[in-house]
Amino acid sequence: MVKTSKGVVAALVLGSLIAGLTGCRKEGPAERAGKEIDRSAEKVGKEIEKAGEKMKDVLSRIRR
């Protein structure tokens, strides 16, 4: 009887975890906003890198 109870409890816990994980697939507004912020930060980083390269070019021309 004890083994059956443990098996049932384990099955219920496992089922709850699976249901919880599959229920989180829908993306909410906070996740969408976070992704947009990430994309914007990446674009800004690339632009800063480009500006840095241009500064290097200008400085190398000035030093000549």
N, C-alpha and C. Protein backbone atom coordinates (compact mmCIF):
# COMPACT_ATOMS: atom_id res chain seq x y z
N MET A 1 0.82 -1.19 0.00
CA MET A 1 0.00 0.00 0.00
C MET A 1 0.87 1.26 0.00
N VAL A 2 1.96 1.24 0.73
CA VAL A 2 2.83 2.40 0.81
C VAL A 2 3.49 2.66 -0.54
N LYS A 3 3.89 1.61 -1.25
CA LYS A 3 4.51 1.78 -2.57
C LYS A 3 3.52 2.41 -3.55
N THR A 4 2.29 2.00 -3.48
CA THR A 4 1.28 2.57 -4.36
C THR A 4 1.08 4.05 -4.07
N SER A 5 1.04 4.43 -2.83
CA SER A 5 0.87 5.83 -2.47
C SER A 5 2.04 6.67 -2.95
N LYS A 6 3.25 6.15 -2.80
CA LYS A 6 4.43 6.89 -3.26
C LYS A 6 4.41 7.03 -4.77
N GLY A 7 3.98 6.01 -5.47
CA GLY A 7 3.90 6.06 -6.93
C GLY A 7 2.89 7.08 -7.39
N VAL A 8 1.76 7.12 -6.71
CA VAL A 8 0.71 8.08 -7.07
C VAL A 8 1.19 9.51 -6.81
N VAL A 9 1.83 9.70 -5.68
CA VAL A 9 2.35 11.04 -5.35
C VAL A 9 3.41 11.45 -6.36
N ALA A 10 4.30 10.54 -6.71
CA ALA A 10 5.34 10.85 -7.70
C ALA A 10 4.72 11.20 -9.04
N ALA A 11 3.71 10.46 -9.46
CA ALA A 11 3.04 10.73 -10.73
C ALA A 11 2.35 12.09 -10.71
N LEU A 12 1.73 12.43 -9.60
CA LEU A 12 1.07 13.74 -9.49
C LEU A 12 2.07 14.88 -9.53
N VAL A 13 3.18 14.71 -8.83
CA VAL A 13 4.22 15.75 -8.84
C VAL A 13 4.80 15.91 -10.24
N LEU A 14 5.11 14.81 -10.88
CA LEU A 14 5.67 14.86 -12.23
C LEU A 14 4.67 15.49 -13.19
N GLY A 15 3.41 15.11 -13.08
CA GLY A 15 2.38 15.69 -13.94
C GLY A 15 2.24 17.19 -13.73
N SER A 16 2.32 17.62 -12.49
CA SER A 16 2.24 19.06 -12.19
C SER A 16 3.40 19.82 -12.78
N LEU A 17 4.59 19.24 -12.69
CA LEU A 17 5.77 19.91 -13.26
C LEU A 17 5.66 20.02 -14.77
N ILE A 18 5.24 18.95 -15.40
CA ILE A 18 5.10 18.97 -16.86
C ILE A 18 4.04 19.99 -17.28
N ALA A 19 2.92 20.01 -16.58
CA ALA A 19 1.86 20.97 -16.90
C ALA A 19 2.35 22.40 -16.70
N GLY A 20 3.12 22.62 -15.65
CA GLY A 20 3.65 23.96 -15.40
C GLY A 20 4.62 24.42 -16.46
N LEU A 21 5.47 23.50 -16.93
CA LEU A 21 6.45 23.87 -17.95
C LEU A 21 5.80 24.12 -19.30
N THR A 22 4.84 23.32 -19.65
CA THR A 22 4.19 23.52 -20.95
C THR A 22 3.28 24.74 -20.94
N GLY A 23 2.81 25.14 -19.79
CA GLY A 23 1.95 26.31 -19.69
C GLY A 23 2.70 27.62 -19.84
N CYS A 24 4.01 27.61 -19.78
CA CYS A 24 4.82 28.83 -19.83
C CYS A 24 5.30 29.15 -21.23
N ARG A 25 4.75 28.54 -22.22
CA ARG A 25 5.23 28.77 -23.58
C ARG A 25 4.77 30.11 -24.16
N LYS A 26 3.64 30.61 -23.71
CA LYS A 26 3.13 31.86 -24.25
C LYS A 26 3.96 33.02 -23.73
N GLU A 27 4.39 33.86 -24.64
CA GLU A 27 5.24 35.00 -24.29
C GLU A 27 4.38 36.19 -23.89
N GLY A 28 4.66 36.73 -22.74
CA GLY A 28 3.90 37.87 -22.25
C GLY A 28 4.52 39.19 -22.66
N PRO A 29 3.88 40.29 -22.29
CA PRO A 29 4.39 41.61 -22.68
C PRO A 29 5.75 41.92 -22.06
N ALA A 30 6.01 41.42 -20.87
CA ALA A 30 7.31 41.69 -20.23
C ALA A 30 8.43 41.00 -21.00
N GLU A 31 8.17 39.76 -21.45
CA GLU A 31 9.21 39.06 -22.21
C GLU A 31 9.45 39.74 -23.55
N ARG A 32 8.37 40.17 -24.20
CA ARG A 32 8.54 40.87 -25.48
C ARG A 32 9.31 42.17 -25.29
N ALA A 33 9.00 42.90 -24.24
CA ALA A 33 9.72 44.15 -23.96
C ALA A 33 11.19 43.86 -23.66
N GLY A 34 11.44 42.81 -22.90
CA GLY A 34 12.82 42.44 -22.60
C GLY A 34 13.61 42.09 -23.84
N LYS A 35 12.98 41.35 -24.75
CA LYS A 35 13.66 41.00 -26.00
C LYS A 35 13.94 42.24 -26.84
N GLU A 36 13.00 43.16 -26.85
CA GLU A 36 13.19 44.40 -27.61
C GLU A 36 14.33 45.22 -27.01
N ILE A 37 14.41 45.26 -25.69
CA ILE A 37 15.51 45.96 -25.03
C ILE A 37 16.84 45.31 -25.38
N ASP A 38 16.87 43.97 -25.39
CA ASP A 38 18.09 43.26 -25.75
C ASP A 38 18.52 43.60 -27.18
N ARG A 39 17.55 43.61 -28.10
CA ARG A 39 17.87 43.94 -29.50
C ARG A 39 18.41 45.36 -29.61
N SER A 40 17.77 46.29 -28.90
CA SER A 40 18.20 47.69 -28.94
C SER A 40 19.60 47.84 -28.37
N ALA A 41 19.87 47.16 -27.26
CA ALA A 41 21.20 47.24 -26.65
C ALA A 41 22.26 46.67 -27.59
N GLU A 42 21.91 45.61 -28.30
CA GLU A 42 22.86 45.02 -29.24
C GLU A 42 23.15 45.99 -30.39
N LYS A 43 22.10 46.65 -30.89
CA LYS A 43 22.29 47.63 -31.96
C LYS A 43 23.16 48.79 -31.50
N VAL A 44 22.91 49.27 -30.28
CA VAL A 44 23.71 50.36 -29.73
C VAL A 44 25.17 49.93 -29.60
N GLY A 45 25.38 48.71 -29.13
CA GLY A 45 26.75 48.20 -28.99
C GLY A 45 27.47 48.16 -30.33
N LYS A 46 26.77 47.74 -31.37
CA LYS A 46 27.38 47.69 -32.71
C LYS A 46 27.72 49.09 -33.20
N GLU A 47 26.83 50.03 -32.96
CA GLU A 47 27.08 51.41 -33.38
C GLU A 47 28.27 52.01 -32.63
N ILE A 48 28.39 51.68 -31.36
CA ILE A 48 29.53 52.17 -30.58
C ILE A 48 30.83 51.58 -31.11
N GLU A 49 30.79 50.29 -31.48
CA GLU A 49 31.98 49.68 -32.07
C GLU A 49 32.36 50.37 -33.37
N LYS A 50 31.36 50.68 -34.21
CA LYS A 50 31.62 51.38 -35.47
C LYS A 50 32.24 52.75 -35.20
N ALA A 51 31.70 53.45 -34.22
CA ALA A 51 32.23 54.77 -33.89
C ALA A 51 33.67 54.66 -33.39
N GLY A 52 33.94 53.64 -32.61
CA GLY A 52 35.31 53.42 -32.13
C GLY A 52 36.28 53.15 -33.26
N GLU A 53 35.85 52.37 -34.24
CA GLU A 53 36.70 52.10 -35.40
C GLU A 53 36.96 53.38 -36.20
N LYS A 54 35.93 54.19 -36.35
CA LYS A 54 36.10 55.46 -37.06
C LYS A 54 37.07 56.37 -36.31
N MET A 55 36.97 56.38 -34.98
CA MET A 55 37.90 57.19 -34.19
C MET A 55 39.33 56.71 -34.36
N LYS A 56 39.52 55.40 -34.40
CA LYS A 56 40.86 54.85 -34.61
C LYS A 56 41.41 55.31 -35.96
N ASP A 57 40.55 55.26 -36.99
CA ASP A 57 40.98 55.69 -38.33
C ASP A 57 41.37 57.16 -38.32
N VAL A 58 40.55 57.99 -37.69
CA VAL A 58 40.83 59.42 -37.65
C VAL A 58 42.13 59.68 -36.89
N LEU A 59 42.32 59.02 -35.76
CA LEU A 59 43.53 59.22 -34.97
C LEU A 59 44.78 58.75 -35.72
N SER A 60 44.65 57.66 -36.44
CA SER A 60 45.82 57.19 -37.21
C SER A 60 46.15 58.14 -38.34
N ARG A 61 45.16 58.79 -38.93
CA ARG A 61 45.41 59.77 -39.98
C ARG A 61 46.06 61.04 -39.41
N ILE A 62 45.62 61.42 -38.21
CA ILE A 62 46.17 62.63 -37.58
C ILE A 62 47.64 62.40 -37.21
N ARG A 63 47.97 61.23 -36.76
CA ARG A 63 49.34 60.92 -36.32
C ARG A 63 50.32 60.85 -37.48
N ARG A 64 49.86 60.68 -38.67
CA ARG A 64 50.76 60.56 -39.83
C ARG A 64 51.36 61.84 -40.20
